[in-house]
Amino acid sequence: MAANVETMFYTRETPWHGLGVKVLDAPRSKDALMLAGLDWRVEQEDIYTDSGNLVEGFKANVRDRDEKVLGVVTDRYKVIQNDEAFAFTDELLGGGVRYETAGSLMGGRKVWLLAHLPHEYIIAGEKISPYLVFSNCHDGSGAIKVAITPIRVVCNNTLNLALATAKRSWSTMHTGDIKYKLEEAKNTLLMADRYMEELGKEFEVLRKKRLTDKQVMEYINMLIPLEDNATQTQAKNINRLREDMKVRYFDAPDLKDVGNNAYRFINAVSDFATHAKPIRQSANYKEQVFAKTVDGNPLVDKAYKMLSAA
């Protein structure tokens, strides 16, 4: 093992660790939201200029608990309350649902609820647990979204690949017939089954793609490029990141029996993208990691495209 490398794969945790509130005892989404302190409503209020003139065409989304303005939206925007946005999950997932955590990001402007799907998958001899993340925005910046996030249980790596053959997310904006749109979301379980089936097929394809050590290093250098005009400090930082990803491929205990192939490499990249500490860790670092878990991680998607094209 390389010296001076912080190998985080020995203490890897789920990507949402430290975010939100654990709600394992919540039988319904409404209970989960209450336990997580998200049982508040959003009211729409008129906006006025300093001189008292009404600003037409816009409203302020205000949280009733503390009168905090969460966002300014057009008058076409329809508020979906937290309990309304997540209520369909109870019927969708039925008695087998297990809510795990819920919380808010960006001061309440975005709220989310995470549920463990009742069906486990064994893919290529490994246990893959599918989760559904439900998120709702109150600031006008995003949509109601449901996303499937598969987790490789042995190491807590996210494996939400951007497959061409199956979707892993559904979303709708806060306009139009919202109730009808939420009814559409009940097809999410069908989407989850389809995605996990296609994911399993793709894992088998990746397992059959053998990689030499030289190819692995070339891919790592492509994923973490070093600019020609990089300073000495920048070069040192890039080399540290490259070394970290290298260790996650060659030395991770949970990958030692996988073989030298593309499946092993995509897991190493996911491990790095999800668990590695950045060069500069911002205050909202964990929120950013969680957002990429839901929306997809550009680094993992880039690696998957490279491997697929090879």
Protein backbone atom coordinates (compact mmCIF):
# COMPACT_ATOMS: atom_id res chain seq x y z
CA MET A 1 0.00 0.00 0.00
CA ALA A 2 1.26 3.44 -0.90
CA ALA A 3 2.58 5.61 1.88
CA ASN A 4 0.80 8.75 3.14
CA VAL A 5 -2.55 7.77 1.63
CA GLU A 6 -5.70 8.01 3.69
CA THR A 7 -7.49 4.82 2.73
CA MET A 8 -11.05 5.53 3.74
CA PHE A 9 -12.50 2.26 2.51
CA TYR A 10 -11.91 0.68 5.91
CA THR A 11 -14.48 2.97 7.53
CA ARG A 12 -16.83 3.68 4.65
CA GLU A 13 -20.27 4.87 5.62
CA THR A 14 -23.48 5.44 3.72
CA PRO A 15 -23.40 8.64 1.60
CA TRP A 16 -26.11 10.26 3.71
CA HIS A 17 -24.32 9.62 7.01
CA GLY A 18 -24.49 12.72 9.18
CA LEU A 19 -27.33 14.28 7.20
CA GLY A 20 -30.91 14.48 8.34
CA VAL A 21 -32.51 12.55 11.19
CA LYS A 22 -32.83 8.79 11.53
CA VAL A 23 -36.49 7.82 11.28
CA LEU A 24 -36.27 4.01 11.39
CA ASP A 25 -39.35 3.80 13.63
CA ALA A 26 -41.57 5.76 11.25
CA PRO A 27 -44.35 3.58 9.77
CA ARG A 28 -45.53 6.33 7.41
CA SER A 29 -43.94 9.21 5.55
CA LYS A 30 -45.95 11.66 7.66
CA ASP A 31 -44.41 10.17 10.81
CA ALA A 32 -40.94 10.36 9.28
CA LEU A 33 -41.39 14.03 8.45
CA MET A 34 -42.59 14.78 11.98
CA LEU A 35 -39.65 12.95 13.58
CA ALA A 36 -37.29 14.84 11.29
CA GLY A 37 -38.82 18.21 12.16
CA LEU A 38 -40.23 18.71 8.68
CA ASP A 39 -43.89 18.95 9.74
CA TRP A 40 -44.28 22.56 8.61
CA ARG A 41 -46.13 24.18 5.75
CA VAL A 42 -45.27 26.68 3.07
CA GLU A 43 -47.55 29.65 2.54
CA GLN A 44 -47.48 31.95 -0.48
CA GLU A 45 -47.50 35.67 0.23
CA ASP A 46 -47.63 38.74 -1.99
CA ILE A 47 -44.45 40.73 -2.55
CA TYR A 48 -44.31 44.51 -2.27
CA THR A 49 -41.65 47.06 -3.10
CA ASP A 50 -40.28 49.40 -0.43
CA SER A 51 -42.76 52.01 -1.62
CA GLY A 52 -45.67 49.65 -1.10
CA ASN A 53 -46.36 48.66 -4.70
CA LEU A 54 -47.44 45.08 -5.39
CA VAL A 55 -44.94 43.05 -7.44
CA GLU A 56 -47.25 41.38 -9.91
CA GLY A 57 -46.62 37.89 -11.21
CA PHE A 58 -44.51 36.73 -8.26
CA LYS A 59 -45.05 35.25 -4.81
CA ALA A 60 -42.85 34.54 -1.80
CA ASN A 61 -42.79 30.99 -0.44
CA VAL A 62 -42.74 31.41 3.35
CA ARG A 63 -42.31 28.71 5.98
CA ASP A 64 -45.09 29.03 8.56
CA ARG A 65 -42.94 27.88 11.49
CA ASP A 66 -40.61 30.88 11.48
CA GLU A 67 -41.82 33.05 8.56
CA LYS A 68 -38.57 32.39 6.73
CA VAL A 69 -38.68 33.18 3.01
CA LEU A 70 -37.59 30.03 1.19
CA GLY A 71 -37.83 31.42 -2.31
CA VAL A 72 -39.48 33.80 -4.76
CA VAL A 73 -41.51 32.11 -7.48
CA THR A 74 -43.90 33.01 -10.28
CA ASP A 75 -47.62 32.99 -9.59
CA ARG A 76 -47.86 29.84 -11.73
CA TYR A 77 -45.89 27.92 -9.11
CA LYS A 78 -47.99 25.54 -7.03
CA VAL A 79 -46.82 24.72 -3.53
CA ILE A 80 -46.61 21.03 -2.72
CA GLN A 81 -46.49 20.64 1.04
CA ASN A 82 -44.01 18.22 2.54
CA ASP A 83 -46.67 15.74 3.65
CA GLU A 84 -48.38 15.93 0.24
CA ALA A 85 -45.19 15.39 -1.73
CA PHE A 86 -44.22 12.30 0.26
CA ALA A 87 -47.66 10.84 1.04
CA PHE A 88 -47.78 8.73 -2.09
CA THR A 89 -44.73 6.79 -0.90
CA ASP A 90 -46.80 4.99 1.73
CA GLU A 91 -49.14 3.55 -0.88
CA LEU A 92 -46.31 3.10 -3.35
CA LEU A 93 -44.12 1.00 -1.09
CA GLY A 94 -46.76 -0.61 1.09
CA GLY A 95 -46.06 -2.50 4.28
CA GLY A 96 -42.52 -3.43 3.33
CA VAL A 97 -41.22 0.13 3.33
CA ARG A 98 -38.49 1.14 5.77
CA TYR A 99 -37.93 4.85 6.08
CA GLU A 100 -34.35 5.46 7.14
CA THR A 101 -33.69 9.18 7.26
CA ALA A 102 -35.19 12.53 6.37
CA GLY A 103 -33.95 16.08 6.42
CA SER A 104 -33.62 19.45 4.78
CA LEU A 105 -30.90 21.11 2.78
CA MET A 106 -30.13 24.76 2.22
CA GLY A 107 -32.11 25.99 5.22
CA GLY A 108 -35.34 24.25 4.30
CA ARG A 109 -35.35 25.18 0.64
CA LYS A 110 -35.04 21.49 -0.22
CA VAL A 111 -36.41 18.60 1.84
CA TRP A 112 -35.89 14.88 1.35
CA LEU A 113 -36.94 11.48 2.59
CA LEU A 114 -35.02 8.26 2.06
CA ALA A 115 -36.63 4.82 2.03
CA HIS A 116 -35.15 1.36 1.76
CA LEU A 117 -37.04 -0.66 -0.85
CA PRO A 118 -38.37 -3.97 0.51
CA HIS A 119 -36.82 -6.08 -2.25
CA GLU A 120 -33.12 -6.96 -2.07
CA TYR A 121 -31.10 -7.94 -5.12
CA ILE A 122 -28.27 -10.43 -5.49
CA ILE A 123 -26.34 -9.39 -8.57
CA ALA A 124 -23.27 -11.33 -9.66
CA GLY A 125 -23.17 -12.90 -6.19
CA GLU A 126 -23.23 -9.56 -4.35
CA LYS A 127 -25.98 -7.98 -2.31
CA ILE A 128 -27.24 -4.72 -3.77
CA SER A 129 -29.77 -2.71 -1.73
CA PRO A 130 -32.00 -0.29 -3.64
CA TYR A 131 -33.05 2.94 -1.98
CA LEU A 132 -35.51 5.58 -3.10
CA VAL A 133 -34.81 9.22 -2.36
CA PHE A 134 -37.79 11.57 -2.51
CA SER A 135 -36.98 15.28 -2.66
CA ASN A 136 -39.05 18.43 -2.89
CA CYS A 137 -37.91 22.03 -3.45
CA HIS A 138 -39.61 25.13 -2.05
CA ASP A 139 -37.45 27.83 -3.61
CA GLY A 140 -38.42 27.37 -7.26
CA SER A 141 -35.03 25.97 -8.21
CA GLY A 142 -36.03 22.38 -8.75
CA ALA A 143 -38.71 19.77 -9.08
CA ILE A 144 -40.29 17.04 -7.03
CA LYS A 145 -37.96 14.14 -7.67
CA VAL A 146 -37.81 10.41 -7.01
CA ALA A 147 -34.49 8.67 -7.64
CA ILE A 148 -33.27 5.09 -7.28
CA THR A 149 -29.92 4.74 -5.54
CA PRO A 150 -28.44 1.20 -5.48
CA ILE A 151 -25.91 0.58 -2.72
CA ARG A 152 -23.34 -2.23 -2.80
CA VAL A 153 -23.87 -3.39 0.77
CA VAL A 154 -20.38 -4.71 1.52
CA CYS A 155 -18.81 -1.28 1.10
CA ASN A 156 -21.67 1.27 0.87
CA ASN A 157 -20.66 2.34 -2.63
CA THR A 158 -23.37 3.97 -4.70
CA LEU A 159 -23.79 2.35 -8.12
CA ASN A 160 -26.30 4.64 -9.78
CA LEU A 161 -24.95 4.37 -13.32
CA ALA A 162 -26.53 6.45 -16.07
CA LEU A 163 -27.83 3.54 -18.12
CA ALA A 164 -29.11 4.06 -21.65
CA THR A 165 -31.56 1.17 -21.25
CA ALA A 166 -33.40 2.20 -18.07
CA LYS A 167 -34.27 5.33 -16.09
CA ARG A 168 -33.38 5.74 -12.43
CA SER A 169 -35.29 8.95 -11.67
CA TRP A 170 -38.64 10.64 -12.14
CA SER A 171 -39.40 14.33 -11.64
CA THR A 172 -42.08 16.92 -12.17
CA MET A 173 -42.19 20.69 -11.87
CA HIS A 174 -44.51 22.61 -9.52
CA THR A 175 -46.92 23.65 -12.28
CA GLY A 176 -49.99 22.19 -13.96
CA ASP A 177 -52.04 19.31 -12.54
CA ILE A 178 -49.83 18.29 -9.64
CA LYS A 179 -52.14 15.58 -8.30
CA TYR A 180 -52.18 13.85 -11.68
CA LYS A 181 -48.40 14.09 -11.88
CA LEU A 182 -47.99 12.54 -8.45
CA GLU A 183 -50.20 9.65 -9.55
CA GLU A 184 -47.68 9.07 -12.34
CA ALA A 185 -44.99 8.66 -9.71
CA LYS A 186 -46.64 5.45 -8.57
CA ASN A 187 -44.99 3.81 -11.56
CA THR A 188 -41.68 4.32 -9.76
CA LEU A 189 -41.54 0.75 -8.47
CA LEU A 190 -41.85 -0.56 -12.00
CA MET A 191 -39.03 1.80 -12.94
CA ALA A 192 -36.95 0.50 -10.01
CA ASP A 193 -37.38 -3.14 -11.03
CA ARG A 194 -36.48 -2.32 -14.63
CA TYR A 195 -33.44 -0.31 -13.60
CA MET A 196 -32.10 -2.98 -11.23
CA GLU A 197 -32.59 -5.65 -13.90
CA GLU A 198 -30.65 -3.64 -16.47
CA LEU A 199 -28.02 -2.71 -13.89
CA GLY A 200 -27.41 -6.40 -13.24
CA LYS A 201 -26.90 -7.03 -16.95
CA GLU A 202 -24.44 -4.14 -17.17
CA PHE A 203 -22.47 -5.40 -14.18
CA GLU A 204 -21.98 -8.70 -15.99
CA VAL A 205 -20.71 -6.84 -19.07
CA LEU A 206 -18.28 -4.84 -16.93
CA ARG A 207 -17.05 -7.97 -15.17
CA LYS A 208 -16.11 -9.51 -18.52
CA LYS A 209 -14.00 -6.49 -19.53
CA ARG A 210 -10.50 -7.31 -18.35
CA LEU A 211 -8.21 -4.41 -17.41
CA THR A 212 -4.45 -4.41 -17.19
CA ASP A 213 -2.71 -2.40 -14.48
CA LYS A 214 -1.50 -0.03 -17.20
CA GLN A 215 -5.05 0.57 -18.41
CA VAL A 216 -6.20 1.25 -14.87
CA MET A 217 -3.55 3.93 -14.40
CA GLU A 218 -4.40 5.47 -17.78
CA TYR A 219 -8.07 5.68 -16.81
CA ILE A 220 -7.21 7.22 -13.44
CA ASN A 221 -5.09 9.87 -15.15
CA MET A 222 -7.92 10.62 -17.56
CA LEU A 223 -10.43 10.97 -14.74
CA ILE A 224 -8.10 13.17 -12.68
CA PRO A 225 -6.17 15.15 -15.31
CA LEU A 226 -3.07 17.22 -14.60
CA GLU A 227 -2.90 20.44 -16.60
CA ASP A 228 0.35 21.26 -18.41
CA ASN A 229 0.66 24.60 -16.62
CA ALA A 230 -0.13 23.22 -13.16
CA THR A 231 1.81 24.64 -10.23
CA GLN A 232 3.89 22.44 -7.97
CA THR A 233 1.14 22.53 -5.34
CA GLN A 234 -1.53 21.66 -7.87
CA ALA A 235 0.54 18.78 -9.19
CA LYS A 236 1.04 17.48 -5.65
CA ASN A 237 -2.69 17.61 -4.97
CA ILE A 238 -3.57 15.86 -8.23
CA ASN A 239 -1.04 13.13 -7.58
CA ARG A 240 -2.50 12.62 -4.10
CA LEU A 241 -5.98 12.19 -5.55
CA ARG A 242 -4.69 9.81 -8.21
CA GLU A 243 -2.88 7.77 -5.58
CA ASP A 244 -6.03 7.63 -3.48
CA MET A 245 -8.09 6.26 -6.37
CA LYS A 246 -5.30 3.81 -7.19
CA VAL A 247 -5.37 2.44 -3.63
CA ARG A 248 -9.13 2.04 -3.80
CA TYR A 249 -8.77 -0.14 -6.89
CA PHE A 250 -5.74 -2.25 -5.96
CA ASP A 251 -6.01 -2.49 -2.16
CA ALA A 252 -9.71 -2.41 -1.19
CA PRO A 253 -10.40 -5.62 0.78
CA ASP A 254 -13.91 -6.00 -0.64
CA LEU A 255 -12.58 -5.96 -4.22
CA LYS A 256 -9.74 -8.46 -3.84
CA ASP A 257 -11.81 -11.37 -5.22
CA VAL A 258 -13.63 -9.41 -7.92
CA GLY A 259 -10.88 -9.71 -10.52
CA ASN A 260 -9.06 -7.11 -12.58
CA ASN A 261 -11.96 -5.82 -14.61
CA ALA A 262 -14.17 -2.84 -15.38
CA TYR A 263 -16.64 -3.72 -12.62
CA ARG A 264 -13.85 -3.45 -10.06
CA PHE A 265 -12.77 -0.13 -11.53
CA ILE A 266 -16.26 1.41 -11.48
CA ASN A 267 -16.53 0.41 -7.81
CA ALA A 268 -13.18 2.04 -7.05
CA VAL A 269 -14.28 5.24 -8.78
CA SER A 270 -17.59 5.21 -6.92
CA ASP A 271 -15.74 4.62 -3.66
CA PHE A 272 -13.48 7.57 -4.40
CA ALA A 273 -16.32 9.85 -5.52
CA THR A 274 -18.47 9.00 -2.50
CA HIS A 275 -15.99 8.65 0.35
CA ALA A 276 -12.71 10.41 -0.48
CA LYS A 277 -11.99 13.71 1.22
CA PRO A 278 -11.61 16.61 -1.21
CA ILE A 279 -8.53 18.82 -1.26
CA ARG A 280 -10.63 21.64 0.17
CA GLN A 281 -13.58 20.53 2.26
CA SER A 282 -16.37 23.11 2.25
CA ALA A 283 -18.96 23.55 5.00
CA ASN A 284 -21.67 21.95 2.87
CA TYR A 285 -19.47 19.13 1.58
CA LYS A 286 -21.78 16.36 2.83
CA GLU A 287 -24.77 18.03 1.22
CA GLN A 288 -22.94 18.11 -2.10
CA VAL A 289 -22.06 14.41 -1.85
CA PHE A 290 -25.66 13.57 -1.05
CA ALA A 291 -26.92 15.64 -3.99
CA LYS A 292 -24.63 13.70 -6.32
CA THR A 293 -25.91 10.47 -4.82
CA VAL A 294 -29.42 11.47 -5.87
CA ASP A 295 -28.73 13.20 -9.17
CA GLY A 296 -25.77 11.11 -10.31
CA ASN A 297 -22.06 11.67 -9.91
CA PRO A 298 -20.31 13.17 -12.98
CA LEU A 299 -17.04 11.38 -12.17
CA VAL A 300 -18.73 7.95 -12.01
CA ASP A 301 -20.69 8.69 -15.19
CA LYS A 302 -17.48 9.70 -16.97
CA ALA A 303 -15.74 6.50 -15.87
CA TYR A 304 -18.70 4.40 -17.01
CA LYS A 305 -18.70 6.06 -20.44
CA MET A 306 -14.96 5.44 -20.81
CA LEU A 307 -15.34 1.80 -19.89
CA SER A 308 -18.34 1.33 -22.17
CA ALA A 309 -16.49 2.83 -25.12
CA ALA A 310 -13.43 0.61 -24.63
